[in-house]
PDB file of N, CA and C in Angstrom:
ATOM      1  N   MET A   1     -66.702  55.661 -40.952  1.00  0.00           N
ATOM      2  CA  MET A   1     -66.146  54.891 -42.103  1.00  0.00           C
ATOM      3  C   MET A   1     -65.827  53.683 -41.033  1.00  0.00           C
ATOM      4  N   GLY A   2     -65.126  53.704 -39.998  1.00  0.00           N
ATOM      5  CA  GLY A   2     -64.438  52.833 -38.760  1.00  0.00           C
ATOM      6  C   GLY A   2     -63.239  52.407 -39.064  1.00  0.00           C
ATOM      7  N   VAL A   3     -62.749  51.449 -38.312  1.00  0.00           N
ATOM      8  CA  VAL A   3     -61.522  51.321 -38.467  1.00  0.00           C
ATOM      9  C   VAL A   3     -61.443  49.641 -38.675  1.00  0.00           C
ATOM     10  N   SER A   4     -60.216  49.254 -39.500  1.00  0.00           N
ATOM     11  CA  SER A   4     -60.041  47.931 -39.882  1.00  0.00           C
ATOM     12  C   SER A   4     -58.879  47.178 -38.770  1.00  0.00           C
ATOM     13  N   LYS A   5     -59.528  45.744 -38.656  1.00  0.00           N
ATOM     14  CA  LYS A   5     -58.657  45.192 -37.776  1.00  0.00           C
ATOM     15  C   LYS A   5     -57.340  45.344 -37.976  1.00  0.00           C
ATOM     16  N   GLU A   6     -56.906  45.400 -39.396  1.00  0.00           N
ATOM     17  CA  GLU A   6     -55.634  45.439 -39.731  1.00  0.00           C
ATOM     18  C   GLU A   6     -54.869  46.825 -39.438  1.00  0.00           C
ATOM     19  N   GLN A   7     -55.380  47.708 -39.021  1.00  0.00           N
ATOM     20  CA  GLN A   7     -55.248  49.207 -38.567  1.00  0.00           C
ATOM     21  C   GLN A   7     -54.856  49.027 -37.301  1.00  0.00           C
ATOM     22  N   VAL A   8     -55.632  48.327 -36.520  1.00  0.00           N
ATOM     23  CA  VAL A   8     -55.518  48.465 -35.170  1.00  0.00           C
ATOM     24  C   VAL A   8     -54.392  47.462 -34.898  1.00  0.00           C
ATOM     25  N   GLU A   9     -54.077  46.240 -35.582  1.00  0.00           N
ATOM     26  CA  GLU A   9     -53.051  45.086 -35.223  1.00  0.00           C
ATOM     27  C   GLU A   9     -51.566  46.119 -35.669  1.00  0.00           C
ATOM     28  N   ALA A  10     -51.722  47.066 -36.542  1.00  0.00           N
ATOM     29  CA  ALA A  10     -50.414  47.664 -37.241  1.00  0.00           C
ATOM     30  C   ALA A  10     -50.054  48.728 -35.962  1.00  0.00           C
ATOM     31  N   SER A  11     -51.070  49.284 -35.610  1.00  0.00           N
ATOM     32  CA  SER A  11     -50.721  50.168 -34.364  1.00  0.00           C
ATOM     33  C   SER A  11     -50.078  49.440 -33.245  1.00  0.00           C
ATOM     34  N   LEU A  12     -51.022  48.693 -32.751  1.00  0.00           N
ATOM     35  CA  LEU A  12     -50.316  48.024 -31.817  1.00  0.00           C
ATOM     36  C   LEU A  12     -49.111  47.358 -31.527  1.00  0.00           C
ATOM     37  N   THR A  13     -48.882  46.538 -32.735  1.00  0.00           N
ATOM     38  CA  THR A  13     -47.545  45.964 -33.465  1.00  0.00           C
ATOM     39  C   THR A  13     -46.588  47.275 -33.308  1.00  0.00           C
ATOM     40  N   SER A  14     -46.733  48.317 -34.061  1.00  0.00           N
ATOM     41  CA  SER A  14     -45.465  49.233 -34.037  1.00  0.00           C
ATOM     42  C   SER A  14     -45.045  49.943 -32.765  1.00  0.00           C
ATOM     43  N   LYS A  15     -45.978  49.942 -31.835  1.00  0.00           N
ATOM     44  CA  LYS A  15     -46.007  50.541 -30.674  1.00  0.00           C
ATOM     45  C   LYS A  15     -45.670  49.697 -29.325  1.00  0.00           C
ATOM     46  N   LEU A  16     -46.179  48.688 -29.403  1.00  0.00           N
ATOM     47  CA  LEU A  16     -46.289  47.849 -28.116  1.00  0.00           C
ATOM     48  C   LEU A  16     -45.049  46.722 -28.416  1.00  0.00           C
ATOM     49  N   LYS A  17     -44.846  46.414 -29.776  1.00  0.00           N
ATOM     50  CA  LYS A  17     -44.013  45.136 -29.827  1.00  0.00           C
ATOM     51  C   LYS A  17     -44.389  43.976 -29.546  1.00  0.00           C
ATOM     52  N   PRO A  18     -45.642  43.554 -29.487  1.00  0.00           N
ATOM     53  CA  PRO A  18     -46.120  42.365 -28.778  1.00  0.00           C
ATOM     54  C   PRO A  18     -45.696  40.958 -29.151  1.00  0.00           C
ATOM     55  N   VAL A  19     -45.260  40.425 -28.420  1.00  0.00           N
ATOM     56  CA  VAL A  19     -45.215  38.838 -28.648  1.00  0.00           C
ATOM     57  C   VAL A  19     -46.173  37.892 -28.706  1.00  0.00           C
ATOM     58  N   HIS A  20     -47.292  38.285 -28.590  1.00  0.00           N
ATOM     59  CA  HIS A  20     -48.856  37.846 -28.771  1.00  0.00           C
ATOM     60  C   HIS A  20     -49.656  39.160 -29.321  1.00  0.00           C
ATOM     61  N   LEU A  21     -50.525  38.848 -30.474  1.00  0.00           N
ATOM     62  CA  LEU A  21     -51.597  39.945 -30.270  1.00  0.00           C
ATOM     63  C   LEU A  21     -52.652  39.310 -30.963  1.00  0.00           C
ATOM     64  N   GLU A  22     -53.917  39.520 -30.545  1.00  0.00           N
ATOM     65  CA  GLU A  22     -55.013  39.189 -30.889  1.00  0.00           C
ATOM     66  C   GLU A  22     -56.258  40.025 -30.950  1.00  0.00           C
ATOM     67  N   VAL A  23     -56.462  40.543 -32.417  1.00  0.00           N
ATOM     68  CA  VAL A  23     -57.699  41.780 -32.589  1.00  0.00           C
ATOM     69  C   VAL A  23     -58.575  41.153 -32.641  1.00  0.00           C
ATOM     70  N   ILE A  24     -59.720  41.306 -32.582  1.00  0.00           N
ATOM     71  CA  ILE A  24     -61.169  40.565 -33.016  1.00  0.00           C
ATOM     72  C   ILE A  24     -62.327  41.625 -33.026  1.00  0.00           C
ATOM     73  N   ASP A  25     -62.558  42.004 -34.665  1.00  0.00           N
ATOM     74  CA  ASP A  25     -63.496  43.073 -34.565  1.00  0.00           C
ATOM     75  C   ASP A  25     -64.937  42.762 -34.081  1.00  0.00           C
ATOM     76  N   ILE A  26     -65.721  43.136 -33.017  1.00  0.00           N
ATOM     77  CA  ILE A  26     -67.026  42.364 -32.431  1.00  0.00           C
ATOM     78  C   ILE A  26     -68.146  43.314 -32.912  1.00  0.00           C
ATOM     79  N   SER A  27     -67.930  44.084 -34.128  1.00  0.00           N
ATOM     80  CA  SER A  27     -68.790  45.014 -34.356  1.00  0.00           C
ATOM     81  C   SER A  27     -69.460  44.622 -35.678  1.00  0.00           C
ATOM     82  N   GLY A  28     -69.147  43.528 -35.663  1.00  0.00           N
ATOM     83  CA  GLY A  28     -69.976  42.856 -37.043  1.00  0.00           C
ATOM     84  C   GLY A  28     -69.409  43.406 -38.263  1.00  0.00           C
ATOM     85  N   GLY A  29     -68.223  43.992 -38.319  1.00  0.00           N
ATOM     86  CA  GLY A  29     -67.476  44.308 -39.734  1.00  0.00           C
ATOM     87  C   GLY A  29     -67.686  45.926 -39.813  1.00  0.00           C
ATOM     88  N   CYS A  30     -68.124  46.750 -39.048  1.00  0.00           N
ATOM     89  CA  CYS A  30     -68.441  48.143 -39.075  1.00  0.00           C
ATOM     90  C   CYS A  30     -67.003  49.059 -38.713  1.00  0.00           C
ATOM     91  N   GLY A  31     -66.275  48.130 -37.923  1.00  0.00           N
ATOM     92  CA  GLY A  31     -64.945  48.661 -37.339  1.00  0.00           C
ATOM     93  C   GLY A  31     -64.735  49.612 -36.089  1.00  0.00           C
ATOM     94  N   ALA A  32     -65.955  49.306 -35.416  1.00  0.00           N
ATOM     95  CA  ALA A  32     -66.199  50.249 -34.397  1.00  0.00           C
ATOM     96  C   ALA A  32     -66.252  49.655 -33.029  1.00  0.00           C
ATOM     97  N   SER A  33     -66.006  48.479 -32.690  1.00  0.00           N
ATOM     98  CA  SER A  33     -65.838  47.599 -31.668  1.00  0.00           C
ATOM     99  C   SER A  33     -64.850  46.650 -31.780  1.00  0.00           C
ATOM    100  N   PHE A  34     -63.801  46.279 -30.897  1.00  0.00           N
ATOM    101  CA  PHE A  34     -62.592  45.574 -31.077  1.00  0.00           C
ATOM    102  C   PHE A  34     -62.642  45.045 -29.440  1.00  0.00           C
ATOM    103  N   GLU A  35     -62.279  43.654 -29.573  1.00  0.00           N
ATOM    104  CA  GLU A  35     -61.485  43.200 -28.325  1.00  0.00           C
ATOM    105  C   GLU A  35     -59.985  42.622 -28.674  1.00  0.00           C
ATOM    106  N   VAL A  36     -59.329  42.971 -27.724  1.00  0.00           N
ATOM    107  CA  VAL A  36     -57.910  42.702 -27.921  1.00  0.00           C
ATOM    108  C   VAL A  36     -57.327  42.084 -26.588  1.00  0.00           C
ATOM    109  N   GLU A  37     -56.175  41.107 -27.245  1.00  0.00           N
ATOM    110  CA  GLU A  37     -55.405  40.623 -26.526  1.00  0.00           C
ATOM    111  C   GLU A  37     -53.770  40.937 -26.657  1.00  0.00           C
ATOM    112  N   VAL A  38     -53.031  41.457 -25.714  1.00  0.00           N
ATOM    113  CA  VAL A  38     -51.741  42.080 -26.078  1.00  0.00           C
ATOM    114  C   VAL A  38     -50.830  41.384 -25.117  1.00  0.00           C
ATOM    115  N   VAL A  39     -49.678  41.207 -25.512  1.00  0.00           N
ATOM    116  CA  VAL A  39     -48.478  40.529 -24.370  1.00  0.00           C
ATOM    117  C   VAL A  39     -47.272  41.425 -25.125  1.00  0.00           C
ATOM    118  N   SER A  40     -46.950  41.788 -24.131  1.00  0.00           N
ATOM    119  CA  SER A  40     -45.614  43.059 -24.549  1.00  0.00           C
ATOM    120  C   SER A  40     -44.738  42.851 -23.343  1.00  0.00           C
ATOM    121  N   GLU A  41     -43.363  42.801 -23.326  1.00  0.00           N
ATOM    122  CA  GLU A  41     -42.337  43.082 -22.859  1.00  0.00           C
ATOM    123  C   GLU A  41     -42.457  44.498 -22.261  1.00  0.00           C
ATOM    124  N   GLN A  42     -43.242  45.336 -22.545  1.00  0.00           N
ATOM    125  CA  GLN A  42     -43.113  46.853 -22.358  1.00  0.00           C
ATOM    126  C   GLN A  42     -44.102  46.773 -20.970  1.00  0.00           C
ATOM    127  N   PHE A  43     -45.011  45.977 -20.883  1.00  0.00           N
ATOM    128  CA  PHE A  43     -45.868  45.786 -19.808  1.00  0.00           C
ATOM    129  C   PHE A  43     -44.987  45.339 -18.377  1.00  0.00           C
ATOM    130  N   GLU A  44     -43.657  44.886 -18.540  1.00  0.00           N
ATOM    131  CA  GLU A  44     -43.094  44.607 -17.292  1.00  0.00           C
ATOM    132  C   GLU A  44     -42.969  46.006 -16.267  1.00  0.00           C
ATOM    133  N   GLY A  45     -43.402  45.697 -15.266  1.00  0.00           N
ATOM    134  CA  GLY A  45     -43.047  46.581 -14.040  1.00  0.00           C
ATOM    135  C   GLY A  45     -44.462  47.792 -14.047  1.00  0.00           C
ATOM    136  N   LYS A  46     -45.419  47.169 -14.859  1.00  0.00           N
ATOM    137  CA  LYS A  46     -46.530  48.175 -14.925  1.00  0.00           C
ATOM    138  C   LYS A  46     -47.807  47.564 -14.244  1.00  0.00           C
ATOM    139  N   ARG A  47     -48.793  48.481 -13.903  1.00  0.00           N
ATOM    140  CA  ARG A  47     -49.837  47.859 -13.036  1.00  0.00           C
ATOM    141  C   ARG A  47     -51.082  47.526 -14.527  1.00  0.00           C
ATOM    142  N   LEU A  48     -51.752  46.865 -13.911  1.00  0.00           N
ATOM    143  CA  LEU A  48     -53.057  46.917 -15.118  1.00  0.00           C
ATOM    144  C   LEU A  48     -53.214  48.088 -15.557  1.00  0.00           C
ATOM    145  N   LEU A  49     -53.713  49.207 -14.934  1.00  0.00           N
ATOM    146  CA  LEU A  49     -54.213  50.467 -15.256  1.00  0.00           C
ATOM    147  C   LEU A  49     -53.239  50.804 -16.053  1.00  0.00           C
ATOM    148  N   GLU A  50     -51.953  50.814 -15.908  1.00  0.00           N
ATOM    149  CA  GLU A  50     -50.927  51.578 -16.550  1.00  0.00           C
ATOM    150  C   GLU A  50     -50.874  51.071 -17.972  1.00  0.00           C
ATOM    151  N   ARG A  51     -50.937  49.249 -18.050  1.00  0.00           N
ATOM    152  CA  ARG A  51     -50.969  48.584 -19.636  1.00  0.00           C
ATOM    153  C   ARG A  51     -51.984  49.123 -20.360  1.00  0.00           C
ATOM    154  N   HIS A  52     -53.105  49.246 -19.528  1.00  0.00           N
ATOM    155  CA  HIS A  52     -54.623  49.692 -20.320  1.00  0.00           C
ATOM    156  C   HIS A  52     -54.240  51.068 -21.024  1.00  0.00           C
ATOM    157  N   ARG A  53     -53.755  51.858 -20.329  1.00  0.00           N
ATOM    158  CA  ARG A  53     -53.547  53.183 -20.821  1.00  0.00           C
ATOM    159  C   ARG A  53     -52.328  53.228 -21.970  1.00  0.00           C
ATOM    160  N   MET A  54     -51.663  52.168 -21.906  1.00  0.00           N
ATOM    161  CA  MET A  54     -50.481  52.157 -23.125  1.00  0.00           C
ATOM    162  C   MET A  54     -51.113  51.782 -24.241  1.00  0.00           C
ATOM    163  N   VAL A  55     -51.912  50.886 -23.829  1.00  0.00           N
ATOM    164  CA  VAL A  55     -52.763  50.139 -25.392  1.00  0.00           C
ATOM    165  C   VAL A  55     -53.831  51.321 -26.076  1.00  0.00           C
ATOM    166  N   ASN A  56     -54.376  51.907 -25.129  1.00  0.00           N
ATOM    167  CA  ASN A  56     -55.341  53.158 -25.450  1.00  0.00           C
ATOM    168  C   ASN A  56     -54.415  54.399 -26.146  1.00  0.00           C
ATOM    169  N   ALA A  57     -53.169  54.572 -25.573  1.00  0.00           N
ATOM    170  CA  ALA A  57     -52.326  55.615 -26.117  1.00  0.00           C
ATOM    171  C   ALA A  57     -51.609  55.371 -27.493  1.00  0.00           C
ATOM    172  N   ALA A  58     -51.573  53.773 -27.825  1.00  0.00           N
ATOM    173  CA  ALA A  58     -51.101  53.328 -28.969  1.00  0.00           C
ATOM    174  C   ALA A  58     -52.143  53.349 -30.060  1.00  0.00           C
ATOM    175  N   LEU A  59     -53.326  53.344 -29.470  1.00  0.00           N
ATOM    176  CA  LEU A  59     -54.311  53.529 -30.468  1.00  0.00           C
ATOM    177  C   LEU A  59     -55.153  54.966 -30.355  1.00  0.00           C
ATOM    178  N   GLU A  60     -54.302  55.940 -30.386  1.00  0.00           N
ATOM    179  CA  GLU A  60     -54.734  57.186 -30.081  1.00  0.00           C
ATOM    180  C   GLU A  60     -55.849  57.825 -31.231  1.00  0.00           C
ATOM    181  N   GLU A  61     -55.311  57.517 -32.265  1.00  0.00           N
ATOM    182  CA  GLU A  61     -55.657  58.073 -33.669  1.00  0.00           C
ATOM    183  C   GLU A  61     -56.891  57.241 -33.865  1.00  0.00           C
ATOM    184  N   GLU A  62     -56.899  55.929 -33.641  1.00  0.00           N
ATOM    185  CA  GLU A  62     -57.850  54.883 -34.104  1.00  0.00           C
ATOM    186  C   GLU A  62     -59.053  54.959 -33.128  1.00  0.00           C
ATOM    187  N   MET A  63     -58.854  55.436 -31.884  1.00  0.00           N
ATOM    188  CA  MET A  63     -59.924  55.947 -30.731  1.00  0.00           C
ATOM    189  C   MET A  63     -60.735  56.692 -31.374  1.00  0.00           C
ATOM    190  N   LYS A  64     -60.319  57.632 -32.252  1.00  0.00           N
ATOM    191  CA  LYS A  64     -61.205  58.844 -32.494  1.00  0.00           C
ATOM    192  C   LYS A  64     -62.570  58.067 -33.146  1.00  0.00           C
ATOM    193  N   GLU A  65     -62.209  56.646 -33.994  1.00  0.00           N
ATOM    194  CA  GLU A  65     -63.440  56.419 -34.334  1.00  0.00           C
ATOM    195  C   GLU A  65     -64.168  54.924 -34.095  1.00  0.00           C
ATOM    196  N   ILE A  66     -63.319  54.362 -32.869  1.00  0.00           N
ATOM    197  CA  ILE A  66     -63.683  53.009 -32.427  1.00  0.00           C
ATOM    198  C   ILE A  66     -64.888  53.529 -31.088  1.00  0.00           C
ATOM    199  N   HIS A  67     -65.823  52.729 -31.226  1.00  0.00           N
ATOM    200  CA  HIS A  67     -66.929  53.185 -30.312  1.00  0.00           C
ATOM    201  C   HIS A  67     -66.487  52.239 -28.950  1.00  0.00           C
ATOM    202  N   ALA A  68     -65.833  51.258 -28.881  1.00  0.00           N
ATOM    203  CA  ALA A  68     -65.721  50.226 -27.824  1.00  0.00           C
ATOM    204  C   ALA A  68     -64.456  49.330 -27.975  1.00  0.00           C
ATOM    205  N   LEU A  69     -63.656  49.112 -27.126  1.00  0.00           N
ATOM    206  CA  LEU A  69     -62.088  48.705 -27.213  1.00  0.00           C
ATOM    207  C   LEU A  69     -62.255  47.927 -25.716  1.00  0.00           C
ATOM    208  N   SER A  70     -62.011  46.576 -25.793  1.00  0.00           N
ATOM    209  CA  SER A  70     -62.341  45.604 -24.466  1.00  0.00           C
ATOM    210  C   SER A  70     -60.727  45.007 -24.430  1.00  0.00           C
ATOM    211  N   ILE A  71     -60.343  45.160 -23.915  1.00  0.00           N
ATOM    212  CA  ILE A  71     -58.987  44.893 -23.481  1.00  0.00           C
ATOM    213  C   ILE A  71     -58.885  43.574 -22.478  1.00  0.00           C
ATOM    214  N   LYS A  72     -58.958  42.712 -23.213  1.00  0.00           N
ATOM    215  CA  LYS A  72     -59.231  41.167 -22.665  1.00  0.00           C
ATOM    216  C   LYS A  72     -57.932  40.863 -21.985  1.00  0.00           C
ATOM    217  N   LYS A  73     -56.655  40.659 -22.255  1.00  0.00           N
ATOM    218  CA  LYS A  73     -55.272  40.367 -21.781  1.00  0.00           C
ATOM    219  C   LYS A  73     -54.333  41.751 -22.190  1.00  0.00           C
ATOM    220  N   ALA A  74     -53.641  42.036 -21.293  1.00  0.00           N
ATOM    221  CA  ALA A  74     -52.462  42.919 -21.208  1.00  0.00           C
ATOM    222  C   ALA A  74     -51.434  42.527 -20.288  1.00  0.00           C
ATOM    223  N   GLN A  75     -50.714  41.693 -20.844  1.00  0.00           N
ATOM    224  CA  GLN A  75     -50.037  40.643 -20.090  1.00  0.00           C
ATOM    225  C   GLN A  75     -48.397  40.873 -20.228  1.00  0.00           C
ATOM    226  N   THR A  76     -47.622  40.701 -19.620  1.00  0.00           N
ATOM    227  CA  THR A  76     -46.135  40.597 -19.768  1.00  0.00           C
ATOM    228  C   THR A  76     -45.800  38.946 -20.418  1.00  0.00           C
ATOM    229  N   PRO A  77     -44.631  38.813 -21.285  1.00  0.00           N
ATOM    230  CA  PRO A  77     -44.762  37.431 -21.819  1.00  0.00           C
ATOM    231  C   PRO A  77     -44.345  36.183 -20.634  1.00  0.00           C
ATOM    232  N   HIS A  78     -43.957  36.695 -19.505  1.00  0.00           N
ATOM    233  CA  HIS A  78     -43.834  36.171 -18.326  1.00  0.00           C
ATOM    234  C   HIS A  78     -45.125  35.368 -17.587  1.00  0.00           C
ATOM    235  N   GLN A  79     -46.122  36.203 -18.121  1.00  0.00           N
ATOM    236  CA  GLN A  79     -47.580  35.889 -17.314  1.00  0.00           C
ATOM    237  C   GLN A  79     -48.579  35.267 -18.164  1.00  0.00           C
ATOM    238  N   TRP A  80     -47.988  35.363 -19.463  1.00  0.00           N
ATOM    239  CA  TRP A  80     -48.838  34.732 -20.558  1.00  0.00           C
ATOM    240  C   TRP A  80     -48.871  33.208 -20.714  1.00  0.00           C
ATOM    241  N   LYS A  81     -49.790  32.452 -20.882  1.00  0.00           N
ATOM    242  CA  LYS A  81     -49.738  30.979 -20.717  1.00  0.00           C
ATOM    243  C   LYS A  81     -50.621  30.965 -22.166  1.00  0.00           C
ATOM    244  N   PRO A  82     -49.854  30.578 -23.337  1.00  0.00           N
ATOM    245  CA  PRO A  82     -50.415  30.457 -24.390  1.00  0.00           C
ATOM    246  C   PRO A  82     -51.266  29.234 -24.671  1.00  0.00           C
ATOM    247  N   SER A  83     -52.367  29.218 -24.845  1.00  0.00           N
ATOM    248  CA  SER A  83     -53.210  28.101 -25.330  1.00  0.00           C
ATOM    249  C   SER A  83     -52.838  27.539 -26.588  1.00  0.00           C
ATOM    250  N   PRO A  84     -52.913  26.142 -26.571  1.00  0.00           N
ATOM    251  CA  PRO A  84     -52.720  25.171 -27.848  1.00  0.00           C
ATOM    252  C   PRO A  84     -53.152  26.214 -29.236  1.00  0.00           C
ATOM    253  N   ASP A  85     -54.186  26.523 -29.044  1.00  0.00           N
ATOM    254  CA  ASP A  85     -54.740  26.938 -30.714  1.00  0.00           C
ATOM    255  C   ASP A  85     -54.226  28.252 -30.870  1.00  0.00           C
ATOM    256  N   SER A  86     -53.573  28.701 -29.637  1.00  0.00           N
ATOM    257  CA  SER A  86     -53.117  30.440 -29.847  1.00  0.00           C
ATOM    258  C   SER A  86     -51.428  30.444 -30.673  1.00  0.00           C
ATOM    259  N   ALA A  87     -50.967  29.226 -30.799  1.00  0.00           N
ATOM    260  CA  ALA A  87     -49.929  29.170 -31.170  1.00  0.00           C
ATOM    261  C   ALA A  87     -49.528  29.590 -32.608  1.00  0.00           C
ATOM    262  N   THR A  88     -50.631  29.487 -33.526  1.00  0.00           N
ATOM    263  CA  THR A  88     -50.408  30.085 -34.832  1.00  0.00           C
ATOM    264  C   THR A  88     -50.382  31.657 -35.009  1.00  0.00           C
ATOM    265  N   GLN A  89     -51.196  32.284 -33.766  1.00  0.00           N
ATOM    266  CA  GLN A  89     -51.121  33.657 -33.766  1.00  0.00           C
ATOM    267  C   GLN A  89     -49.844  34.151 -33.118  1.00  0.00           C
ATOM    268  N   THR A  90     -49.189  33.530 -32.280  1.00  0.00           N
ATOM    269  CA  THR A  90     -48.087  34.144 -31.732  1.00  0.00           C
ATOM    270  C   THR A  90     -47.217  34.738 -32.956  1.00  0.00           C
ATOM    271  N   LYS A  91     -46.402  35.696 -32.401  1.00  0.00           N
ATOM    272  CA  LYS A  91     -45.641  36.727 -33.268  1.00  0.00           C
ATOM    273  C   LYS A  91     -44.190  36.645 -32.418  1.00  0.00           C
ATOM    274  N   ASP A  92     -43.341  36.611 -33.276  1.00  0.00           N
ATOM    275  CA  ASP A  92     -41.936  36.474 -32.659  1.00  0.00           C
ATOM    276  C   ASP A  92     -41.493  38.265 -32.323  1.00  0.00           C
ATOM    277  N   ALA A  93     -40.844  38.042 -31.185  1.00  0.00           N
ATOM    278  CA  ALA A  93     -40.528  39.492 -30.769  1.00  0.00           C
ATOM    279  C   ALA A  93     -39.405  40.147 -31.422  1.00  0.00           C
TER     280      ALA A  93
END
């Protein structure tokens, strides 16, 4: 069946408490491939590999049905520089 964009967003939001989250279904709607950008304070002091592992762990159940996950950004709030058009997608911490 696949995973919905909303399921991915809900899992990442509940586990990583992001200040910015963008999830894009790049599978054409079947829920098998996603691109994500995650900005979270939980990434502070972690190397990139550790951050990616945290994202994968947050999506442990969803990954059983997701074919491909592209983590475009896994940054701390300090590192993140929002673009003007992403302001509408920013969530309060």
